[in-house]
Amino acid sequence: MTKLLSLWLFLVALTPTAQATEDTWPLEGQNTASGSFRQTVTDINGAVAFSSTGRFAALKPHYFRWEIESPDRQVLVATPEAFWQWDKDLDVVILRDAPDITDLPISGIWNGTVDDLPPSDAASGHLSDGVKNLSVRSPDENTIIVLFEDSLGQNTLFEFTLEAEGGVTPSAFAVNVPDGVDFYDETSRSLGRAGATE
């Protein structure tokens, strides 16, 4: 669960590699995005170490929902008020402080980047936890691809397939804490279950 959380927070914190210029970015001028994703992690030898699939929804700039359908069922939701992590298989819900998405720009998907330049010519993102060689690109109008390498030499690839229709509203980011789950409030200010939208 911790590895998944750190990968998700990294995704929210993406820094673009190179600003799109001539190409039209799929989300240019859009305030919402939704669709499916596939995540693949390969080890230093190129073997698949982990993969997952699911759905995502985003409402510019402060809302993000990440629902993993396979292999484990989890929901991660960021709003201006809180960050929710719900492990459906373990029946655990954790409430944390909201990440400041304006400081951790999700503009990697909103504004778009292209990495058609040779690696030596493209600026690469680098975070303090050892993530390097970050690229964000769009091979077509329905796809956004994010690729980065971690300090262990593993490569993580996210492929987002965008839905062409349907808007995303704030109600898509409401979290209803089900009865019977283990609930942990790990916020700096105690929101408790009152932070859930009933």
C-alpha atoms as a PDB file:
ATOM      1  CA  MET A   1       0.000   0.000   0.000  1.00  0.00           C
ATOM      2  CA  THR A   2       2.887   2.377   0.813  1.00  0.00           C
ATOM      3  CA  LYS A   3       4.567   1.793  -2.577  1.00  0.00           C
ATOM      4  CA  LEU A   4       1.287   2.470  -4.343  1.00  0.00           C
ATOM      5  CA  LEU A   5       0.759   5.684  -2.360  1.00  0.00           C
ATOM      6  CA  SER A   6       4.249   6.978  -3.131  1.00  0.00           C
ATOM      7  CA  LEU A   7       3.802   6.239  -6.845  1.00  0.00           C
ATOM      8  CA  TRP A   8       0.473   8.064  -6.876  1.00  0.00           C
ATOM      9  CA  LEU A   9       1.862  11.101  -5.067  1.00  0.00           C
ATOM     10  CA  PHE A  10       4.728  11.152  -7.535  1.00  0.00           C
ATOM     11  CA  LEU A  11       2.273  11.135 -10.397  1.00  0.00           C
ATOM     12  CA  VAL A  12       0.499  14.147  -8.927  1.00  0.00           C
ATOM     13  CA  ALA A  13       3.873  15.878  -8.545  1.00  0.00           C
ATOM     14  CA  LEU A  14       4.930  15.510 -12.165  1.00  0.00           C
ATOM     15  CA  THR A  15       7.140  18.209 -13.596  1.00  0.00           C
ATOM     16  CA  PRO A  16       6.937  18.584 -17.382  1.00  0.00           C
ATOM     17  CA  THR A  17      10.013  17.728 -19.431  1.00  0.00           C
ATOM     18  CA  ALA A  18       9.512  20.072 -22.372  1.00  0.00           C
ATOM     19  CA  GLN A  19       6.625  22.400 -23.092  1.00  0.00           C
ATOM     20  CA  ALA A  20       4.491  21.496 -26.086  1.00  0.00           C
ATOM     21  CA  THR A  21       4.837  23.982 -28.902  1.00  0.00           C
ATOM     22  CA  GLU A  22       3.554  22.924 -32.304  1.00  0.00           C
ATOM     23  CA  ASP A  23       1.552  19.835 -31.337  1.00  0.00           C
ATOM     24  CA  THR A  24      -1.905  20.168 -29.846  1.00  0.00           C
ATOM     25  CA  TRP A  25      -2.105  18.618 -26.402  1.00  0.00           C
ATOM     26  CA  PRO A  26      -5.147  16.335 -25.802  1.00  0.00           C
ATOM     27  CA  LEU A  27      -6.304  18.288 -22.731  1.00  0.00           C
ATOM     28  CA  GLU A  28      -5.559  21.762 -24.053  1.00  0.00           C
ATOM     29  CA  GLY A  29      -8.337  24.090 -22.909  1.00  0.00           C
ATOM     30  CA  GLN A  30     -10.046  21.311 -20.918  1.00  0.00           C
ATOM     31  CA  ASN A  31     -11.022  21.511 -17.244  1.00  0.00           C
ATOM     32  CA  THR A  32     -11.874  17.829 -16.827  1.00  0.00           C
ATOM     33  CA  ALA A  33     -10.332  14.519 -17.811  1.00  0.00           C
ATOM     34  CA  SER A  34     -11.304  10.898 -17.327  1.00  0.00           C
ATOM     35  CA  GLY A  35     -10.537   7.510 -18.732  1.00  0.00           C
ATOM     36  CA  SER A  36      -8.553   4.369 -18.043  1.00  0.00           C
ATOM     37  CA  PHE A  37      -4.918   3.772 -17.184  1.00  0.00           C
ATOM     38  CA  ARG A  38      -2.370   0.989 -17.299  1.00  0.00           C
ATOM     39  CA  GLN A  39       0.731   1.040 -15.104  1.00  0.00           C
ATOM     40  CA  THR A  40       3.723  -1.200 -15.827  1.00  0.00           C
ATOM     41  CA  VAL A  41       6.885  -1.361 -13.728  1.00  0.00           C
ATOM     42  CA  THR A  42       9.904  -3.134 -15.223  1.00  0.00           C
ATOM     43  CA  ASP A  43      13.036  -4.046 -13.298  1.00  0.00           C
ATOM     44  CA  ILE A  44      16.609  -3.229 -14.258  1.00  0.00           C
ATOM     45  CA  ASN A  45      16.665  -6.293 -16.571  1.00  0.00           C
ATOM     46  CA  GLY A  46      13.486  -5.273 -18.366  1.00  0.00           C
ATOM     47  CA  ALA A  47      11.275  -7.926 -16.745  1.00  0.00           C
ATOM     48  CA  VAL A  48       7.792  -6.854 -15.606  1.00  0.00           C
ATOM     49  CA  ALA A  49       7.861  -6.456 -11.822  1.00  0.00           C
ATOM     50  CA  PHE A  50       4.366  -5.032 -11.310  1.00  0.00           C
ATOM     51  CA  SER A  51       1.373  -3.973 -13.358  1.00  0.00           C
ATOM     52  CA  SER A  52      -2.037  -2.515 -12.605  1.00  0.00           C
ATOM     53  CA  THR A  53      -5.049  -1.188 -14.441  1.00  0.00           C
ATOM     54  CA  GLY A  54      -7.931   1.044 -13.518  1.00  0.00           C
ATOM     55  CA  ARG A  55      -9.767   4.295 -14.085  1.00  0.00           C
ATOM     56  CA  PHE A  56      -9.019   7.941 -13.317  1.00  0.00           C
ATOM     57  CA  ALA A  57     -10.858  11.247 -13.213  1.00  0.00           C
ATOM     58  CA  ALA A  58      -9.532  14.782 -12.765  1.00  0.00           C
ATOM     59  CA  LEU A  59     -11.125  18.200 -12.336  1.00  0.00           C
ATOM     60  CA  LYS A  60      -8.737  21.083 -12.859  1.00  0.00           C
ATOM     61  CA  PRO A  61      -6.839  21.952 -10.779  1.00  0.00           C
ATOM     62  CA  HIS A  62      -7.555  20.491  -7.331  1.00  0.00           C
ATOM     63  CA  TYR A  63      -9.385  17.175  -7.770  1.00  0.00           C
ATOM     64  CA  PHE A  64      -8.005  13.780  -8.734  1.00  0.00           C
ATOM     65  CA  ARG A  65      -9.460  10.248  -8.429  1.00  0.00           C
ATOM     66  CA  TRP A  66      -7.411   7.133  -9.107  1.00  0.00           C
ATOM     67  CA  GLU A  67      -9.285   3.798  -8.945  1.00  0.00           C
ATOM     68  CA  ILE A  68      -7.186   0.662  -9.280  1.00  0.00           C
ATOM     69  CA  GLU A  69      -9.241  -2.297 -10.470  1.00  0.00           C
ATOM     70  CA  SER A  70      -6.507  -4.924 -10.852  1.00  0.00           C
ATOM     71  CA  PRO A  71      -4.616  -6.607  -9.272  1.00  0.00           C
ATOM     72  CA  ASP A  72      -5.724  -4.961  -6.002  1.00  0.00           C
ATOM     73  CA  ARG A  73      -8.817  -2.805  -5.646  1.00  0.00           C
ATOM     74  CA  GLN A  74      -7.923   0.623  -4.275  1.00  0.00           C
ATOM     75  CA  VAL A  75      -9.263   4.157  -4.550  1.00  0.00           C
ATOM     76  CA  LEU A  76      -7.112   7.270  -4.076  1.00  0.00           C
ATOM     77  CA  VAL A  77      -8.876  10.642  -4.003  1.00  0.00           C
ATOM     78  CA  ALA A  78      -7.345  14.117  -3.645  1.00  0.00           C
ATOM     79  CA  THR A  79      -9.536  17.166  -3.006  1.00  0.00           C
ATOM     80  CA  PRO A  80      -8.724  20.647  -1.666  1.00  0.00           C
ATOM     81  CA  GLU A  81      -9.783  19.391   1.789  1.00  0.00           C
ATOM     82  CA  ALA A  82      -8.239  15.935   2.082  1.00  0.00           C
ATOM     83  CA  PHE A  83      -6.477  12.940   0.593  1.00  0.00           C
ATOM     84  CA  TRP A  84      -8.298   9.603   0.871  1.00  0.00           C
ATOM     85  CA  GLN A  85      -6.821   6.133   0.437  1.00  0.00           C
ATOM     86  CA  TRP A  86      -9.305   3.248   0.427  1.00  0.00           C
ATOM     87  CA  ASP A  87      -8.026  -0.303   0.149  1.00  0.00           C
ATOM     88  CA  LYS A  88     -11.171  -2.205  -0.805  1.00  0.00           C
ATOM     89  CA  ASP A  89      -9.568  -5.638  -0.438  1.00  0.00           C
ATOM     90  CA  LEU A  90      -8.295  -4.950   3.081  1.00  0.00           C
ATOM     91  CA  ASP A  91     -11.361  -2.883   4.133  1.00  0.00           C
ATOM     92  CA  VAL A  92      -9.129  -0.002   5.247  1.00  0.00           C
ATOM     93  CA  VAL A  93      -9.727   3.727   4.717  1.00  0.00           C
ATOM     94  CA  ILE A  94      -7.023   6.274   5.566  1.00  0.00           C
ATOM     95  CA  LEU A  95      -7.609  10.019   5.614  1.00  0.00           C
ATOM     96  CA  ARG A  96      -4.557  12.268   5.194  1.00  0.00           C
ATOM     97  CA  ASP A  97      -3.871  15.952   4.700  1.00  0.00           C
ATOM     98  CA  ALA A  98      -4.555  17.195   1.190  1.00  0.00           C
ATOM     99  CA  PRO A  99      -1.506  17.602  -1.029  1.00  0.00           C
ATOM    100  CA  ASP A 100      -1.082  21.137  -2.337  1.00  0.00           C
ATOM    101  CA  ILE A 101      -1.685  20.332  -5.975  1.00  0.00           C
ATOM    102  CA  THR A 102      -0.900  23.906  -7.011  1.00  0.00           C
ATOM    103  CA  ASP A 103       2.610  23.401  -5.631  1.00  0.00           C
ATOM    104  CA  LEU A 104       2.820  19.851  -7.036  1.00  0.00           C
ATOM    105  CA  PRO A 105       1.603  20.732 -10.499  1.00  0.00           C
ATOM    106  CA  ILE A 106      -0.637  18.277 -12.209  1.00  0.00           C
ATOM    107  CA  SER A 107       0.111  20.396 -15.264  1.00  0.00           C
ATOM    108  CA  GLY A 108       2.072  17.415 -16.576  1.00  0.00           C
ATOM    109  CA  ILE A 109      -1.264  16.184 -17.901  1.00  0.00           C
ATOM    110  CA  TRP A 110      -3.187  19.465 -18.134  1.00  0.00           C
ATOM    111  CA  ASN A 111      -0.715  21.519 -20.163  1.00  0.00           C
ATOM    112  CA  GLY A 112       1.158  18.669 -21.730  1.00  0.00           C
ATOM    113  CA  THR A 113       4.725  18.040 -22.707  1.00  0.00           C
ATOM    114  CA  VAL A 114       6.400  16.377 -25.627  1.00  0.00           C
ATOM    115  CA  ASP A 115       9.633  14.418 -25.605  1.00  0.00           C
ATOM    116  CA  ASP A 116      10.187  13.927 -29.313  1.00  0.00           C
ATOM    117  CA  LEU A 117      13.602  15.539 -28.923  1.00  0.00           C
ATOM    118  CA  PRO A 118      16.614  13.289 -28.333  1.00  0.00           C
ATOM    119  CA  PRO A 119      17.146  12.624 -24.604  1.00  0.00           C
ATOM    120  CA  SER A 120      20.182  14.912 -24.486  1.00  0.00           C
ATOM    121  CA  ASP A 121      18.077  17.813 -25.779  1.00  0.00           C
ATOM    122  CA  ALA A 122      15.079  17.342 -23.492  1.00  0.00           C
ATOM    123  CA  ALA A 123      15.074  18.575 -19.932  1.00  0.00           C
ATOM    124  CA  SER A 124      14.396  15.736 -17.507  1.00  0.00           C
ATOM    125  CA  GLY A 125      12.482  15.936 -14.273  1.00  0.00           C
ATOM    126  CA  HIS A 126      14.246  14.954 -11.073  1.00  0.00           C
ATOM    127  CA  LEU A 127      12.800  14.545  -7.577  1.00  0.00           C
ATOM    128  CA  SER A 128      14.673  14.171  -4.309  1.00  0.00           C
ATOM    129  CA  ASP A 129      13.598  10.542  -3.830  1.00  0.00           C
ATOM    130  CA  GLY A 130      15.717   9.385  -6.763  1.00  0.00           C
ATOM    131  CA  VAL A 131      13.185   9.566  -9.580  1.00  0.00           C
ATOM    132  CA  LYS A 132      14.866  10.577 -12.847  1.00  0.00           C
ATOM    133  CA  ASN A 133      14.492  10.581 -16.615  1.00  0.00           C
ATOM    134  CA  LEU A 134      10.885  11.700 -16.440  1.00  0.00           C
ATOM    135  CA  SER A 135       9.010  12.165 -19.696  1.00  0.00           C
ATOM    136  CA  VAL A 136       5.414  13.070 -20.476  1.00  0.00           C
ATOM    137  CA  ARG A 137       4.153  12.785 -24.057  1.00  0.00           C
ATOM    138  CA  SER A 138       1.069  12.233 -26.167  1.00  0.00           C
ATOM    139  CA  PRO A 139       1.360   9.934 -29.205  1.00  0.00           C
ATOM    140  CA  ASP A 140      -2.218  10.711 -30.271  1.00  0.00           C
ATOM    141  CA  GLU A 141      -5.273  12.737 -29.259  1.00  0.00           C
ATOM    142  CA  ASN A 142      -6.568  10.061 -26.865  1.00  0.00           C
ATOM    143  CA  THR A 143      -3.381   8.999 -25.074  1.00  0.00           C
ATOM    144  CA  ILE A 144      -0.972  10.466 -22.516  1.00  0.00           C
ATOM    145  CA  ILE A 145       2.148   8.517 -21.575  1.00  0.00           C
ATOM    146  CA  VAL A 146       4.270   9.120 -18.476  1.00  0.00           C
ATOM    147  CA  LEU A 147       7.590   7.311 -18.061  1.00  0.00           C
ATOM    148  CA  PHE A 148      10.223   7.609 -15.333  1.00  0.00           C
ATOM    149  CA  GLU A 149      13.084   5.699 -13.759  1.00  0.00           C
ATOM    150  CA  ASP A 150      13.601   5.280 -10.009  1.00  0.00           C
ATOM    151  CA  SER A 151      16.794   5.040  -7.971  1.00  0.00           C
ATOM    152  CA  LEU A 152      16.801   1.225  -8.288  1.00  0.00           C
ATOM    153  CA  GLY A 153      16.822   1.391 -12.079  1.00  0.00           C
ATOM    154  CA  GLN A 154      13.181   0.340 -12.392  1.00  0.00           C
ATOM    155  CA  ASN A 155      11.085   2.002 -15.095  1.00  0.00           C
ATOM    156  CA  THR A 156       7.464   2.931 -14.473  1.00  0.00           C
ATOM    157  CA  LEU A 157       5.178   3.511 -17.437  1.00  0.00           C
ATOM    158  CA  PHE A 158       1.697   5.007 -17.121  1.00  0.00           C
ATOM    159  CA  GLU A 159      -0.527   4.978 -20.193  1.00  0.00           C
ATOM    160  CA  PHE A 160      -3.693   7.059 -19.899  1.00  0.00           C
ATOM    161  CA  THR A 161      -6.486   6.490 -22.413  1.00  0.00           C
ATOM    162  CA  LEU A 162      -8.767   9.526 -22.427  1.00  0.00           C
ATOM    163  CA  GLU A 163     -12.530   9.362 -22.797  1.00  0.00           C
ATOM    164  CA  ALA A 164     -13.836  11.639 -25.516  1.00  0.00           C
ATOM    165  CA  GLU A 165     -17.190  12.347 -23.899  1.00  0.00           C
ATOM    166  CA  GLY A 166     -18.635  13.014 -20.486  1.00  0.00           C
ATOM    167  CA  GLY A 167     -17.799  15.730 -18.009  1.00  0.00           C
ATOM    168  CA  VAL A 168     -16.405  15.268 -14.524  1.00  0.00           C
ATOM    169  CA  THR A 169     -18.119  17.018 -11.599  1.00  0.00           C
ATOM    170  CA  PRO A 170     -17.024  17.478  -7.959  1.00  0.00           C
ATOM    171  CA  SER A 171     -19.402  14.670  -6.946  1.00  0.00           C
ATOM    172  CA  ALA A 172     -17.003  12.205  -8.610  1.00  0.00           C
ATOM    173  CA  PHE A 173     -14.540  12.925  -5.785  1.00  0.00           C
ATOM    174  CA  ALA A 174     -16.935  12.340  -2.883  1.00  0.00           C
ATOM    175  CA  VAL A 175     -15.831   9.540  -0.569  1.00  0.00           C
ATOM    176  CA  ASN A 176     -18.446   7.596   1.388  1.00  0.00           C
ATOM    177  CA  VAL A 177     -16.748   5.610   4.142  1.00  0.00           C
ATOM    178  CA  PRO A 178     -18.572   2.280   4.293  1.00  0.00           C
ATOM    179  CA  ASP A 179     -19.669   0.762   7.572  1.00  0.00           C
ATOM    180  CA  GLY A 180     -17.412  -1.957   8.929  1.00  0.00           C
ATOM    181  CA  VAL A 181     -14.100  -0.757   7.475  1.00  0.00           C
ATOM    182  CA  ASP A 182     -11.072   0.118   9.563  1.00  0.00           C
ATOM    183  CA  PHE A 183     -10.856   3.920   9.452  1.00  0.00           C
ATOM    184  CA  TYR A 184      -7.682   5.876  10.286  1.00  0.00           C
ATOM    185  CA  ASP A 185      -7.559   9.652  10.474  1.00  0.00           C
ATOM    186  CA  GLU A 186      -3.923  10.625   9.911  1.00  0.00           C
ATOM    187  CA  THR A 187      -4.541  14.307   9.218  1.00  0.00           C
ATOM    188  CA  SER A 188      -2.767  17.055  11.114  1.00  0.00           C
ATOM    189  CA  ARG A 189      -6.183  18.458  11.988  1.00  0.00           C
ATOM    190  CA  SER A 190      -8.766  15.932  13.048  1.00  0.00           C
ATOM    191  CA  LEU A 191     -11.413  15.624  10.340  1.00  0.00           C
ATOM    192  CA  GLY A 192     -12.576  12.198  11.456  1.00  0.00           C
ATOM    193  CA  ARG A 193     -15.478  10.620   9.619  1.00  0.00           C
ATOM    194  CA  ALA A 194     -17.117  14.019   9.306  1.00  0.00           C
ATOM    195  CA  GLY A 195     -14.708  14.601   6.421  1.00  0.00           C
ATOM    196  CA  ALA A 196     -16.560  12.033   4.346  1.00  0.00           C
ATOM    197  CA  THR A 197     -19.342  13.046   2.049  1.00  0.00           C
ATOM    198  CA  GLU A 198     -22.446  11.095   3.010  1.00  0.00           C
END
